[in-house]
Amino acid sequence: MNRFLDGHPYLSRASDISRTGMRVHPISMAGSTSRFIGLQFQLPGSSDVLTASGEVVSSASEDGTVGIRFTRMPAISRECIGRYLAGS
């Protein structure tokens, strides 16, 4: 996945996805401590590229991992996450 900080993409890995948010683990570190970020990601087994905006709600990890609460998301992204979670 990519997390967008100050308009620049940074490679990351996502985990613990839910209808309301996800945990983001940075692969490439960024110098920004922005509270709001853009997200671009694919769910396992899907080629669809989903987008969302989110707010950092937790950042207790030294490796830069943050908890993100979705703040805006297109309906198609919401539907894909719902289908993914129903199949998990």
N, C-alpha and C. Protein backbone atom coordinates (compact mmCIF):
# COMPACT_ATOMS: atom_id res chain seq x y z
N MET A 1 0.83 -1.17 0.00
CA MET A 1 0.00 0.00 0.00
C MET A 1 0.88 1.24 0.00
N ASN A 2 0.27 2.36 -0.34
CA ASN A 2 0.94 3.65 -0.24
C ASN A 2 0.18 4.51 0.77
N ARG A 3 0.94 5.20 1.60
CA ARG A 3 0.35 6.24 2.43
C ARG A 3 0.89 7.55 1.90
N PHE A 4 0.02 8.51 1.75
CA PHE A 4 0.40 9.79 1.18
C PHE A 4 0.52 10.82 2.29
N LEU A 5 1.72 11.38 2.41
CA LEU A 5 2.00 12.42 3.40
C LEU A 5 2.47 13.66 2.66
N ASP A 6 1.81 14.75 2.89
CA ASP A 6 2.17 16.01 2.21
C ASP A 6 2.24 15.83 0.70
N GLY A 7 1.35 15.00 0.15
CA GLY A 7 1.28 14.79 -1.29
C GLY A 7 2.27 13.80 -1.86
N HIS A 8 3.10 13.17 -1.03
CA HIS A 8 4.11 12.23 -1.50
C HIS A 8 3.78 10.81 -1.03
N PRO A 9 3.92 9.79 -1.93
CA PRO A 9 3.62 8.41 -1.54
C PRO A 9 4.80 7.77 -0.80
N TYR A 10 4.47 6.97 0.21
CA TYR A 10 5.47 6.21 0.97
C TYR A 10 4.97 4.78 1.08
N LEU A 11 5.82 3.84 0.66
CA LEU A 11 5.47 2.43 0.68
C LEU A 11 5.25 1.96 2.11
N SER A 12 4.16 1.21 2.32
CA SER A 12 3.79 0.73 3.64
C SER A 12 3.12 -0.63 3.52
N ARG A 13 2.85 -1.24 4.65
CA ARG A 13 2.10 -2.50 4.72
C ARG A 13 0.93 -2.28 5.66
N ALA A 14 -0.21 -2.84 5.33
CA ALA A 14 -1.41 -2.68 6.16
C ALA A 14 -1.72 -3.98 6.89
N SER A 15 -2.33 -3.84 8.07
CA SER A 15 -2.83 -5.01 8.81
C SER A 15 -4.06 -4.58 9.59
N ASP A 16 -4.73 -5.53 10.16
CA ASP A 16 -5.88 -5.27 11.04
C ASP A 16 -6.91 -4.35 10.40
N ILE A 17 -7.25 -4.63 9.14
CA ILE A 17 -8.23 -3.77 8.47
C ILE A 17 -9.63 -4.06 8.99
N SER A 18 -10.41 -3.00 9.14
CA SER A 18 -11.80 -3.11 9.54
C SER A 18 -12.60 -2.12 8.71
N ARG A 19 -13.89 -2.05 8.96
CA ARG A 19 -14.73 -1.09 8.24
C ARG A 19 -14.39 0.35 8.62
N THR A 20 -13.76 0.54 9.76
CA THR A 20 -13.51 1.90 10.25
C THR A 20 -12.04 2.33 10.21
N GLY A 21 -11.12 1.39 9.93
CA GLY A 21 -9.72 1.79 9.90
C GLY A 21 -8.77 0.63 9.68
N MET A 22 -7.49 0.88 9.89
CA MET A 22 -6.46 -0.14 9.71
C MET A 22 -5.19 0.28 10.45
N ARG A 23 -4.29 -0.66 10.59
CA ARG A 23 -2.96 -0.38 11.12
C ARG A 23 -2.01 -0.28 9.93
N VAL A 24 -1.15 0.73 9.93
CA VAL A 24 -0.22 0.97 8.82
C VAL A 24 1.21 0.86 9.34
N HIS A 25 1.98 -0.02 8.70
CA HIS A 25 3.38 -0.28 9.06
C HIS A 25 4.25 0.29 7.95
N PRO A 26 5.03 1.34 8.21
CA PRO A 26 5.85 1.93 7.15
C PRO A 26 6.98 1.01 6.72
N ILE A 27 7.22 0.96 5.42
CA ILE A 27 8.38 0.26 4.87
C ILE A 27 9.44 1.31 4.56
N SER A 28 9.01 2.41 3.98
CA SER A 28 9.92 3.54 3.78
C SER A 28 9.49 4.63 4.75
N MET A 29 10.42 5.11 5.51
CA MET A 29 10.13 6.10 6.54
C MET A 29 9.96 7.47 5.91
N ALA A 30 9.08 8.26 6.49
CA ALA A 30 8.84 9.62 6.02
C ALA A 30 9.13 10.59 7.14
N GLY A 31 9.53 11.79 6.78
CA GLY A 31 9.85 12.78 7.78
C GLY A 31 8.65 13.53 8.35
N SER A 32 7.47 13.31 7.78
CA SER A 32 6.29 14.05 8.20
C SER A 32 5.59 13.38 9.38
N THR A 33 5.03 14.20 10.24
CA THR A 33 4.23 13.69 11.35
C THR A 33 2.79 14.14 11.17
N SER A 34 2.33 14.22 9.95
CA SER A 34 0.98 14.67 9.63
C SER A 34 -0.07 13.81 10.32
N ARG A 35 -1.10 14.44 10.81
CA ARG A 35 -2.19 13.73 11.48
C ARG A 35 -3.15 13.12 10.46
N PHE A 36 -3.26 13.70 9.28
CA PHE A 36 -4.17 13.21 8.24
C PHE A 36 -3.35 12.69 7.07
N ILE A 37 -3.76 11.52 6.55
CA ILE A 37 -3.02 10.91 5.45
C ILE A 37 -3.98 10.36 4.41
N GLY A 38 -3.46 10.22 3.20
CA GLY A 38 -4.18 9.54 2.13
C GLY A 38 -3.71 8.11 2.05
N LEU A 39 -4.59 7.21 1.64
CA LEU A 39 -4.26 5.79 1.56
C LEU A 39 -4.64 5.26 0.18
N GLN A 40 -3.81 4.39 -0.35
CA GLN A 40 -4.06 3.71 -1.61
C GLN A 40 -3.61 2.27 -1.38
N PHE A 41 -4.52 1.30 -1.54
CA PHE A 41 -4.17 -0.07 -1.17
C PHE A 41 -4.98 -1.09 -1.94
N GLN A 42 -4.52 -2.33 -1.90
CA GLN A 42 -5.22 -3.48 -2.47
C GLN A 42 -5.46 -4.49 -1.36
N LEU A 43 -6.61 -5.13 -1.40
CA LEU A 43 -6.91 -6.19 -0.44
C LEU A 43 -6.35 -7.50 -0.96
N PRO A 44 -6.01 -8.43 -0.08
CA PRO A 44 -5.49 -9.73 -0.53
C PRO A 44 -6.46 -10.41 -1.51
N GLY A 45 -5.91 -10.90 -2.60
CA GLY A 45 -6.71 -11.61 -3.60
C GLY A 45 -7.48 -10.71 -4.55
N SER A 46 -7.25 -9.41 -4.50
CA SER A 46 -7.98 -8.48 -5.36
C SER A 46 -7.00 -7.61 -6.13
N SER A 47 -7.37 -7.27 -7.36
CA SER A 47 -6.53 -6.36 -8.15
C SER A 47 -7.07 -4.93 -8.09
N ASP A 48 -8.22 -4.72 -7.42
CA ASP A 48 -8.79 -3.39 -7.30
C ASP A 48 -7.92 -2.51 -6.41
N VAL A 49 -7.65 -1.29 -6.86
CA VAL A 49 -6.91 -0.33 -6.06
C VAL A 49 -7.93 0.55 -5.33
N LEU A 50 -7.91 0.50 -4.01
CA LEU A 50 -8.86 1.24 -3.18
C LEU A 50 -8.18 2.49 -2.64
N THR A 51 -8.99 3.50 -2.37
CA THR A 51 -8.47 4.73 -1.80
C THR A 51 -9.31 5.12 -0.58
N ALA A 52 -8.68 5.87 0.30
CA ALA A 52 -9.36 6.40 1.48
C ALA A 52 -8.50 7.51 2.06
N SER A 53 -9.11 8.30 2.90
CA SER A 53 -8.39 9.28 3.70
C SER A 53 -8.54 8.86 5.15
N GLY A 54 -7.54 9.17 5.95
CA GLY A 54 -7.62 8.76 7.34
C GLY A 54 -6.91 9.70 8.29
N GLU A 55 -7.20 9.49 9.57
CA GLU A 55 -6.59 10.27 10.64
C GLU A 55 -5.82 9.32 11.55
N VAL A 56 -4.60 9.71 11.90
CA VAL A 56 -3.80 8.91 12.83
C VAL A 56 -4.44 9.01 14.21
N VAL A 57 -4.79 7.85 14.78
CA VAL A 57 -5.43 7.84 16.10
C VAL A 57 -4.56 7.15 17.15
N SER A 58 -3.53 6.43 16.71
CA SER A 58 -2.58 5.84 17.66
C SER A 58 -1.23 5.70 16.98
N SER A 59 -0.17 5.93 17.75
CA SER A 59 1.19 5.82 17.20
C SER A 59 2.15 5.43 18.31
N ALA A 60 1.88 4.32 18.97
CA ALA A 60 2.67 3.91 20.13
C ALA A 60 3.92 3.12 19.77
N SER A 61 4.11 2.81 18.51
CA SER A 61 5.21 1.94 18.10
C SER A 61 6.44 2.73 17.67
N GLU A 62 7.62 2.27 18.07
CA GLU A 62 8.87 2.93 17.67
C GLU A 62 9.20 2.72 16.20
N ASP A 63 8.62 1.68 15.58
CA ASP A 63 8.92 1.43 14.17
C ASP A 63 8.07 2.28 13.23
N GLY A 64 7.27 3.19 13.77
CA GLY A 64 6.47 4.09 12.95
C GLY A 64 5.07 3.60 12.65
N THR A 65 4.71 2.40 13.14
CA THR A 65 3.37 1.86 12.92
C THR A 65 2.33 2.78 13.55
N VAL A 66 1.25 3.04 12.80
CA VAL A 66 0.18 3.90 13.29
C VAL A 66 -1.18 3.26 13.08
N GLY A 67 -2.11 3.60 13.93
CA GLY A 67 -3.50 3.22 13.76
C GLY A 67 -4.21 4.35 13.03
N ILE A 68 -4.96 3.99 11.99
CA ILE A 68 -5.64 4.97 11.16
C ILE A 68 -7.15 4.76 11.25
N ARG A 69 -7.88 5.84 11.47
CA ARG A 69 -9.34 5.81 11.40
C ARG A 69 -9.72 6.44 10.08
N PHE A 70 -10.51 5.70 9.26
CA PHE A 70 -10.94 6.25 7.98
C PHE A 70 -11.82 7.48 8.21
N THR A 71 -11.56 8.55 7.46
CA THR A 71 -12.37 9.75 7.56
C THR A 71 -13.19 9.98 6.29
N ARG A 72 -12.67 9.54 5.14
CA ARG A 72 -13.39 9.62 3.87
C ARG A 72 -13.03 8.42 3.04
N MET A 73 -14.05 7.88 2.36
CA MET A 73 -13.80 6.70 1.55
C MET A 73 -14.88 6.61 0.47
N PRO A 74 -14.48 6.40 -0.79
CA PRO A 74 -15.48 6.20 -1.84
C PRO A 74 -16.34 4.96 -1.54
N ALA A 75 -17.57 4.98 -2.00
CA ALA A 75 -18.50 3.86 -1.76
C ALA A 75 -17.92 2.54 -2.26
N ILE A 76 -17.24 2.55 -3.40
CA ILE A 76 -16.69 1.29 -3.94
C ILE A 76 -15.64 0.71 -3.01
N SER A 77 -14.82 1.56 -2.40
CA SER A 77 -13.81 1.08 -1.45
C SER A 77 -14.50 0.48 -0.23
N ARG A 78 -15.53 1.14 0.27
CA ARG A 78 -16.29 0.64 1.42
C ARG A 78 -16.92 -0.72 1.12
N GLU A 79 -17.48 -0.86 -0.09
CA GLU A 79 -18.11 -2.12 -0.50
C GLU A 79 -17.08 -3.24 -0.60
N CYS A 80 -15.92 -2.96 -1.17
CA CYS A 80 -14.86 -3.98 -1.30
C CYS A 80 -14.37 -4.44 0.07
N ILE A 81 -14.19 -3.52 1.00
CA ILE A 81 -13.77 -3.89 2.35
C ILE A 81 -14.83 -4.74 3.02
N GLY A 82 -16.11 -4.37 2.84
CA GLY A 82 -17.19 -5.16 3.42
C GLY A 82 -17.22 -6.58 2.87
N ARG A 83 -17.04 -6.73 1.56
CA ARG A 83 -17.00 -8.08 0.96
C ARG A 83 -15.80 -8.87 1.48
N TYR A 84 -14.65 -8.21 1.57
CA TYR A 84 -13.43 -8.87 2.07
C TYR A 84 -13.64 -9.35 3.50
N LEU A 85 -14.19 -8.51 4.35
CA LEU A 85 -14.39 -8.89 5.75
C LEU A 85 -15.44 -9.98 5.89
N ALA A 86 -16.45 -9.97 5.06
CA ALA A 86 -17.50 -11.02 5.11
C ALA A 86 -16.93 -12.37 4.71
N GLY A 87 -15.91 -12.36 3.83
CA GLY A 87 -15.30 -13.60 3.38
C GLY A 87 -14.18 -14.10 4.25
N SER A 88 -13.74 -13.28 5.22
CA SER A 88 -12.61 -13.65 6.08
C SER A 88 -13.05 -14.55 7.20
